[in-house]
Amino acid sequence: MKVINLSDQNSILNSFMKELRSKDIQQDSMRFRRNIERVGEICAYEMSKSFCYKSETVVTPLAETDIATPDEQVVLATILRAGLPFHEGFLGYLDHAENAFVSAYREYTSETDFFIHTEYIASPSLENKTLIICDPMLATGSSMEVAYRALLTKGTPKKVYLASVLATPQAIDFLQNTMPVDVCLYTAAVDPVLNKHKYIIPGLGDAGDLAYGVKE
């Protein structure tokens, strides 16, 4: 699995990540959602550089000109609920993409142990299409892997991309051992460790709660 860490080079992305991490600024849920969207927009732009392209002719008011445009049938898949603003950021750039949604969440069996429970999947056919799976927080990688396996029931994609706001070395190692070798992961940053509850440190907190309110 190829990993593209967008924080390897400095860019305006750093400003959005600073606000996402700040315990004071992130309390503004509208701003938090918008910053997640912005990260999605940047990821979509960077990812688009690896798409296949075709030449199209466009007629301007003065003449005709040729331009290369993406030649991909994209299905944008998101893990609910934290992934929704991330999904919107991607969709703002990949506006012709089809959409898929997977409900996947942790069900704890003890204070530190859990398994990933799925309840819902809605997806078009993925057969021979380009699948992008968005999950803002790749802590262990298990939610992403479970979502991918669930989505395969809708067909075999031609190409698979993964996208996250934050990832950990543990998640990357896990996905490298469980995903096809030609999968590519785009992430805005890689944080060093997980705590005993498998939350990312330094991280940014619970992305779903910060975006949409604390759940019971």
C-alpha atoms as a PDB file:
ATOM      1  CA  MET A   1       0.000   0.000   0.000  1.00  0.00           C
ATOM      2  CA  LYS A   2       1.329   3.399  -0.986  1.00  0.00           C
ATOM      3  CA  VAL A   3       1.002   6.176   1.620  1.00  0.00           C
ATOM      4  CA  ILE A   4       0.854   9.877   0.700  1.00  0.00           C
ATOM      5  CA  ASN A   5       1.335  11.986   3.836  1.00  0.00           C
ATOM      6  CA  LEU A   6       0.326  15.521   2.845  1.00  0.00           C
ATOM      7  CA  SER A   7       2.052  16.984   5.902  1.00  0.00           C
ATOM      8  CA  ASP A   8       5.451  15.942   4.514  1.00  0.00           C
ATOM      9  CA  GLN A   9       5.398  19.312   2.749  1.00  0.00           C
ATOM     10  CA  ASN A  10       4.244  22.577   4.294  1.00  0.00           C
ATOM     11  CA  SER A  11       1.087  24.080   2.792  1.00  0.00           C
ATOM     12  CA  ILE A  12      -2.080  25.955   3.786  1.00  0.00           C
ATOM     13  CA  LEU A  13      -3.308  22.568   4.999  1.00  0.00           C
ATOM     14  CA  ASN A  14      -1.323  23.219   8.197  1.00  0.00           C
ATOM     15  CA  SER A  15      -3.619  26.142   9.090  1.00  0.00           C
ATOM     16  CA  PHE A  16      -6.725  23.951   8.873  1.00  0.00           C
ATOM     17  CA  MET A  17      -5.065  21.173  10.866  1.00  0.00           C
ATOM     18  CA  LYS A  18      -4.046  23.656  13.581  1.00  0.00           C
ATOM     19  CA  GLU A  19      -7.650  24.759  14.023  1.00  0.00           C
ATOM     20  CA  LEU A  20      -8.948  21.167  13.962  1.00  0.00           C
ATOM     21  CA  ARG A  21      -6.567  20.219  16.779  1.00  0.00           C
ATOM     22  CA  SER A  22      -7.015  23.341  18.930  1.00  0.00           C
ATOM     23  CA  LYS A  23      -9.254  22.475  21.912  1.00  0.00           C
ATOM     24  CA  ASP A  24     -10.625  26.032  21.914  1.00  0.00           C
ATOM     25  CA  ILE A  25     -11.248  26.623  18.201  1.00  0.00           C
ATOM     26  CA  GLN A  26     -12.681  23.138  17.601  1.00  0.00           C
ATOM     27  CA  GLN A  27     -15.566  23.846  19.992  1.00  0.00           C
ATOM     28  CA  ASP A  28     -17.137  25.848  17.155  1.00  0.00           C
ATOM     29  CA  SER A  29     -18.742  22.838  15.463  1.00  0.00           C
ATOM     30  CA  MET A  30     -19.551  24.748  12.272  1.00  0.00           C
ATOM     31  CA  ARG A  31     -15.905  25.776  11.897  1.00  0.00           C
ATOM     32  CA  PHE A  32     -14.775  22.247  12.769  1.00  0.00           C
ATOM     33  CA  ARG A  33     -16.957  20.783  10.004  1.00  0.00           C
ATOM     34  CA  ARG A  34     -15.730  23.377   7.520  1.00  0.00           C
ATOM     35  CA  ASN A  35     -12.098  22.605   8.316  1.00  0.00           C
ATOM     36  CA  ILE A  36     -12.728  18.890   7.828  1.00  0.00           C
ATOM     37  CA  GLU A  37     -14.307  19.776   4.468  1.00  0.00           C
ATOM     38  CA  ARG A  38     -11.256  21.838   3.545  1.00  0.00           C
ATOM     39  CA  VAL A  39      -8.957  18.901   4.277  1.00  0.00           C
ATOM     40  CA  GLY A  40     -11.219  16.758   2.073  1.00  0.00           C
ATOM     41  CA  GLU A  41     -10.956  19.314  -0.725  1.00  0.00           C
ATOM     42  CA  ILE A  42      -7.164  19.289  -0.560  1.00  0.00           C
ATOM     43  CA  CYS A  43      -7.063  15.489  -0.466  1.00  0.00           C
ATOM     44  CA  ALA A  44      -9.358  15.315  -3.498  1.00  0.00           C
ATOM     45  CA  TYR A  45      -7.150  17.743  -5.413  1.00  0.00           C
ATOM     46  CA  GLU A  46      -3.958  15.841  -4.596  1.00  0.00           C
ATOM     47  CA  MET A  47      -5.584  12.486  -5.353  1.00  0.00           C
ATOM     48  CA  SER A  48      -6.832  13.748  -8.715  1.00  0.00           C
ATOM     49  CA  LYS A  49      -3.227  14.050  -9.917  1.00  0.00           C
ATOM     50  CA  SER A  50      -3.086  10.241 -10.140  1.00  0.00           C
ATOM     51  CA  PHE A  51      -6.372   9.829 -12.066  1.00  0.00           C
ATOM     52  CA  CYS A  52      -6.587   8.814 -15.713  1.00  0.00           C
ATOM     53  CA  TYR A  53      -7.399  11.709 -18.057  1.00  0.00           C
ATOM     54  CA  LYS A  54      -8.944  12.194 -21.476  1.00  0.00           C
ATOM     55  CA  SER A  55      -8.783  15.101 -23.905  1.00  0.00           C
ATOM     56  CA  GLU A  56     -11.969  17.103 -24.472  1.00  0.00           C
ATOM     57  CA  THR A  57     -12.698  20.046 -26.723  1.00  0.00           C
ATOM     58  CA  VAL A  58     -14.380  23.094 -25.236  1.00  0.00           C
ATOM     59  CA  VAL A  59     -15.751  26.028 -27.197  1.00  0.00           C
ATOM     60  CA  THR A  60     -14.918  29.429 -25.730  1.00  0.00           C
ATOM     61  CA  PRO A  61     -16.533  32.682 -26.944  1.00  0.00           C
ATOM     62  CA  LEU A  62     -13.508  33.121 -29.243  1.00  0.00           C
ATOM     63  CA  ALA A  63     -12.276  29.673 -30.302  1.00  0.00           C
ATOM     64  CA  GLU A  64     -12.018  25.972 -29.528  1.00  0.00           C
ATOM     65  CA  THR A  65      -9.390  24.513 -27.204  1.00  0.00           C
ATOM     66  CA  ASP A  66      -8.527  21.067 -25.877  1.00  0.00           C
ATOM     67  CA  ILE A  67      -8.295  20.299 -22.182  1.00  0.00           C
ATOM     68  CA  ALA A  68      -7.515  17.135 -20.228  1.00  0.00           C
ATOM     69  CA  THR A  69     -10.297  16.102 -17.829  1.00  0.00           C
ATOM     70  CA  PRO A  70     -10.565  13.145 -15.411  1.00  0.00           C
ATOM     71  CA  ASP A  71     -11.629   9.881 -17.003  1.00  0.00           C
ATOM     72  CA  GLU A  72     -12.728   7.981 -13.893  1.00  0.00           C
ATOM     73  CA  GLN A  73     -16.060   6.562 -12.684  1.00  0.00           C
ATOM     74  CA  VAL A  74     -15.670   7.544  -9.060  1.00  0.00           C
ATOM     75  CA  VAL A  75     -17.666   6.166  -6.144  1.00  0.00           C
ATOM     76  CA  LEU A  76     -17.069   8.180  -2.990  1.00  0.00           C
ATOM     77  CA  ALA A  77     -17.701   6.026   0.106  1.00  0.00           C
ATOM     78  CA  THR A  78     -17.878   7.330   3.652  1.00  0.00           C
ATOM     79  CA  ILE A  79     -17.984   5.758   7.098  1.00  0.00           C
ATOM     80  CA  LEU A  80     -20.774   7.345   9.129  1.00  0.00           C
ATOM     81  CA  ARG A  81     -21.046   9.712  10.953  1.00  0.00           C
ATOM     82  CA  ALA A  82     -17.691  11.456  11.399  1.00  0.00           C
ATOM     83  CA  GLY A  83     -16.941  11.031   7.716  1.00  0.00           C
ATOM     84  CA  LEU A  84     -19.807  13.212   6.470  1.00  0.00           C
ATOM     85  CA  PRO A  85     -18.020  16.612   6.364  1.00  0.00           C
ATOM     86  CA  PHE A  86     -14.917  14.920   4.942  1.00  0.00           C
ATOM     87  CA  HIS A  87     -17.160  13.396   2.271  1.00  0.00           C
ATOM     88  CA  GLU A  88     -18.629  16.822   1.465  1.00  0.00           C
ATOM     89  CA  GLY A  89     -15.138  18.218   0.934  1.00  0.00           C
ATOM     90  CA  PHE A  90     -14.362  15.491  -1.590  1.00  0.00           C
ATOM     91  CA  LEU A  91     -17.754  15.881  -3.242  1.00  0.00           C
ATOM     92  CA  GLY A  92     -17.181  19.599  -3.713  1.00  0.00           C
ATOM     93  CA  TYR A  93     -14.321  18.744  -6.080  1.00  0.00           C
ATOM     94  CA  LEU A  94     -15.458  15.357  -7.405  1.00  0.00           C
ATOM     95  CA  ASP A  95     -18.950  16.613  -8.125  1.00  0.00           C
ATOM     96  CA  HIS A  96     -19.822  13.853 -10.609  1.00  0.00           C
ATOM     97  CA  ALA A  97     -18.990  11.043  -8.184  1.00  0.00           C
ATOM     98  CA  GLU A  98     -21.518   8.435  -7.131  1.00  0.00           C
ATOM     99  CA  ASN A  99     -21.887   8.005  -3.385  1.00  0.00           C
ATOM    100  CA  ALA A 100     -21.827   5.163  -0.882  1.00  0.00           C
ATOM    101  CA  PHE A 101     -22.280   5.069   2.902  1.00  0.00           C
ATOM    102  CA  VAL A 102     -21.311   2.496   5.514  1.00  0.00           C
ATOM    103  CA  SER A 103     -22.243   2.473   9.190  1.00  0.00           C
ATOM    104  CA  ALA A 104     -19.265   1.118  11.130  1.00  0.00           C
ATOM    105  CA  TYR A 105     -18.574   1.754  14.788  1.00  0.00           C
ATOM    106  CA  ARG A 106     -16.695   0.359  17.770  1.00  0.00           C
ATOM    107  CA  GLU A 107     -18.530  -1.994  20.113  1.00  0.00           C
ATOM    108  CA  TYR A 108     -16.444  -2.381  23.269  1.00  0.00           C
ATOM    109  CA  THR A 109     -16.201  -5.750  25.010  1.00  0.00           C
ATOM    110  CA  SER A 110     -14.032  -4.297  27.796  1.00  0.00           C
ATOM    111  CA  GLU A 111     -12.448  -0.965  28.693  1.00  0.00           C
ATOM    112  CA  THR A 112      -9.778  -1.409  26.012  1.00  0.00           C
ATOM    113  CA  ASP A 113     -11.052  -4.126  23.634  1.00  0.00           C
ATOM    114  CA  PHE A 114     -13.612  -3.706  20.862  1.00  0.00           C
ATOM    115  CA  PHE A 115     -14.790  -5.054  17.547  1.00  0.00           C
ATOM    116  CA  ILE A 116     -16.154  -3.155  14.575  1.00  0.00           C
ATOM    117  CA  HIS A 117     -19.905  -3.460  14.150  1.00  0.00           C
ATOM    118  CA  THR A 118     -21.628  -2.643  10.852  1.00  0.00           C
ATOM    119  CA  GLU A 119     -25.372  -2.105  10.495  1.00  0.00           C
ATOM    120  CA  TYR A 120     -25.952  -0.311   7.213  1.00  0.00           C
ATOM    121  CA  ILE A 121     -24.553  -0.043   3.707  1.00  0.00           C
ATOM    122  CA  ALA A 122     -25.910   1.898   0.732  1.00  0.00           C
ATOM    123  CA  SER A 123     -23.853   1.801  -2.447  1.00  0.00           C
ATOM    124  CA  PRO A 124     -24.146   1.716  -6.224  1.00  0.00           C
ATOM    125  CA  SER A 125     -22.350  -1.005  -8.142  1.00  0.00           C
ATOM    126  CA  LEU A 126     -18.587  -0.738  -7.714  1.00  0.00           C
ATOM    127  CA  GLU A 127     -17.753  -3.007 -10.619  1.00  0.00           C
ATOM    128  CA  ASN A 128     -14.726  -1.676 -12.505  1.00  0.00           C
ATOM    129  CA  LYS A 129     -15.054   1.774 -10.880  1.00  0.00           C
ATOM    130  CA  THR A 130     -12.687   3.919  -8.827  1.00  0.00           C
ATOM    131  CA  LEU A 131     -13.535   3.594  -5.120  1.00  0.00           C
ATOM    132  CA  ILE A 132     -12.504   6.258  -2.612  1.00  0.00           C
ATOM    133  CA  ILE A 133     -13.176   5.419   1.059  1.00  0.00           C
ATOM    134  CA  CYS A 134     -13.156   8.387   3.461  1.00  0.00           C
ATOM    135  CA  ASP A 135     -12.638   7.935   7.199  1.00  0.00           C
ATOM    136  CA  PRO A 136     -11.249  10.967   9.081  1.00  0.00           C
ATOM    137  CA  MET A 137      -9.583   9.020  11.897  1.00  0.00           C
ATOM    138  CA  LEU A 138      -7.486   5.942  11.122  1.00  0.00           C
ATOM    139  CA  ALA A 139      -6.617   4.862  14.643  1.00  0.00           C
ATOM    140  CA  THR A 140      -6.272   1.085  14.264  1.00  0.00           C
ATOM    141  CA  GLY A 141      -7.402   0.829  10.643  1.00  0.00           C
ATOM    142  CA  SER A 142      -9.983  -1.824  11.489  1.00  0.00           C
ATOM    143  CA  SER A 143     -13.032   0.320  10.609  1.00  0.00           C
ATOM    144  CA  MET A 144     -11.567   1.076   7.205  1.00  0.00           C
ATOM    145  CA  GLU A 145     -10.833  -2.581   6.526  1.00  0.00           C
ATOM    146  CA  VAL A 146     -14.325  -3.693   7.621  1.00  0.00           C
ATOM    147  CA  ALA A 147     -15.932  -0.999   5.471  1.00  0.00           C
ATOM    148  CA  TYR A 148     -13.846  -2.069   2.484  1.00  0.00           C
ATOM    149  CA  ARG A 149     -14.908  -5.714   2.884  1.00  0.00           C
ATOM    150  CA  ALA A 150     -18.553  -4.662   3.173  1.00  0.00           C
ATOM    151  CA  LEU A 151     -18.318  -2.527   0.049  1.00  0.00           C
ATOM    152  CA  LEU A 152     -16.877  -5.422  -1.959  1.00  0.00           C
ATOM    153  CA  THR A 153     -20.330  -7.029  -1.793  1.00  0.00           C
ATOM    154  CA  LYS A 154     -21.324  -4.330  -4.334  1.00  0.00           C
ATOM    155  CA  GLY A 155     -18.713  -5.322  -6.922  1.00  0.00           C
ATOM    156  CA  THR A 156     -14.970  -5.322  -7.579  1.00  0.00           C
ATOM    157  CA  PRO A 157     -13.510  -1.838  -8.080  1.00  0.00           C
ATOM    158  CA  LYS A 158     -10.839  -1.159 -10.679  1.00  0.00           C
ATOM    159  CA  LYS A 159      -8.904   1.111  -8.328  1.00  0.00           C
ATOM    160  CA  VAL A 160      -9.084   1.867  -4.582  1.00  0.00           C
ATOM    161  CA  TYR A 161      -8.027   4.964  -2.667  1.00  0.00           C
ATOM    162  CA  LEU A 162      -8.242   5.515   1.099  1.00  0.00           C
ATOM    163  CA  ALA A 163      -8.381   8.975   2.678  1.00  0.00           C
ATOM    164  CA  SER A 164      -8.044  10.215   6.262  1.00  0.00           C
ATOM    165  CA  VAL A 165      -7.412  13.379   8.197  1.00  0.00           C
ATOM    166  CA  LEU A 166      -5.250  11.580  10.754  1.00  0.00           C
ATOM    167  CA  ALA A 167      -3.626   8.158  10.689  1.00  0.00           C
ATOM    168  CA  THR A 168      -1.249   6.249  12.959  1.00  0.00           C
ATOM    169  CA  PRO A 169       1.687   3.968  12.132  1.00  0.00           C
ATOM    170  CA  GLN A 170      -0.339   1.106  13.662  1.00  0.00           C
ATOM    171  CA  ALA A 171      -3.247   1.723  11.278  1.00  0.00           C
ATOM    172  CA  ILE A 172      -0.924   2.013   8.300  1.00  0.00           C
ATOM    173  CA  ASP A 173       0.824  -1.265   9.198  1.00  0.00           C
ATOM    174  CA  PHE A 174      -2.535  -3.009   9.679  1.00  0.00           C
ATOM    175  CA  LEU A 175      -3.886  -1.804   6.342  1.00  0.00           C
ATOM    176  CA  GLN A 176      -0.673  -2.696   4.530  1.00  0.00           C
ATOM    177  CA  ASN A 177      -1.193  -6.269   5.742  1.00  0.00           C
ATOM    178  CA  THR A 178      -4.932  -6.484   4.975  1.00  0.00           C
ATOM    179  CA  MET A 179      -5.553  -4.356   1.866  1.00  0.00           C
ATOM    180  CA  PRO A 180      -4.489  -5.041  -1.740  1.00  0.00           C
ATOM    181  CA  VAL A 181      -0.950  -3.866  -2.499  1.00  0.00           C
ATOM    182  CA  ASP A 182      -2.062  -1.357  -5.146  1.00  0.00           C
ATOM    183  CA  VAL A 183      -4.282   0.613  -2.729  1.00  0.00           C
ATOM    184  CA  CYS A 184      -3.156   4.187  -2.036  1.00  0.00           C
ATOM    185  CA  LEU A 185      -3.768   6.064   1.228  1.00  0.00           C
ATOM    186  CA  TYR A 186      -3.866   9.872   1.375  1.00  0.00           C
ATOM    187  CA  THR A 187      -3.673  11.383   4.860  1.00  0.00           C
ATOM    188  CA  ALA A 188      -3.224  14.921   6.152  1.00  0.00           C
ATOM    189  CA  ALA A 189      -0.986  13.804   9.036  1.00  0.00           C
ATOM    190  CA  VAL A 190       0.391  10.740  10.818  1.00  0.00           C
ATOM    191  CA  ASP A 191       0.299  10.878  14.626  1.00  0.00           C
ATOM    192  CA  PRO A 192       2.710   8.691  16.596  1.00  0.00           C
ATOM    193  CA  VAL A 193       0.719   6.684  19.137  1.00  0.00           C
ATOM    194  CA  LEU A 194      -2.598   5.330  20.420  1.00  0.00           C
ATOM    195  CA  ASN A 195      -3.658   5.469  24.073  1.00  0.00           C
ATOM    196  CA  LYS A 196      -5.046   2.419  25.887  1.00  0.00           C
ATOM    197  CA  HIS A 197      -8.539   3.163  24.543  1.00  0.00           C
ATOM    198  CA  LYS A 198      -7.139   3.192  20.978  1.00  0.00           C
ATOM    199  CA  TYR A 199      -7.584   6.933  20.495  1.00  0.00           C
ATOM    200  CA  ILE A 200      -5.041   8.861  18.444  1.00  0.00           C
ATOM    201  CA  ILE A 201      -2.470  10.921  20.386  1.00  0.00           C
ATOM    202  CA  PRO A 202      -2.071  13.912  20.056  1.00  0.00           C
ATOM    203  CA  GLY A 203      -5.063  13.594  17.736  1.00  0.00           C
ATOM    204  CA  LEU A 204      -7.958  16.027  17.924  1.00  0.00           C
ATOM    205  CA  GLY A 205     -10.630  14.231  19.990  1.00  0.00           C
ATOM    206  CA  ASP A 206     -13.800  12.525  18.797  1.00  0.00           C
ATOM    207  CA  ALA A 207     -14.384  13.871  15.278  1.00  0.00           C
ATOM    208  CA  GLY A 208     -18.042  12.785  15.207  1.00  0.00           C
ATOM    209  CA  ASP A 209     -18.864  14.470  18.517  1.00  0.00           C
ATOM    210  CA  LEU A 210     -17.018  17.656  17.548  1.00  0.00           C
ATOM    211  CA  ALA A 211     -18.833  17.836  14.220  1.00  0.00           C
ATOM    212  CA  TYR A 212     -22.350  16.840  15.292  1.00  0.00           C
ATOM    213  CA  GLY A 213     -22.608  16.842  19.092  1.00  0.00           C
ATOM    214  CA  VAL A 214     -21.945  14.345  21.865  1.00  0.00           C
ATOM    215  CA  LYS A 215     -23.782  11.027  21.480  1.00  0.00           C
ATOM    216  CA  GLU A 216     -25.201   8.986  24.334  1.00  0.00           C
END
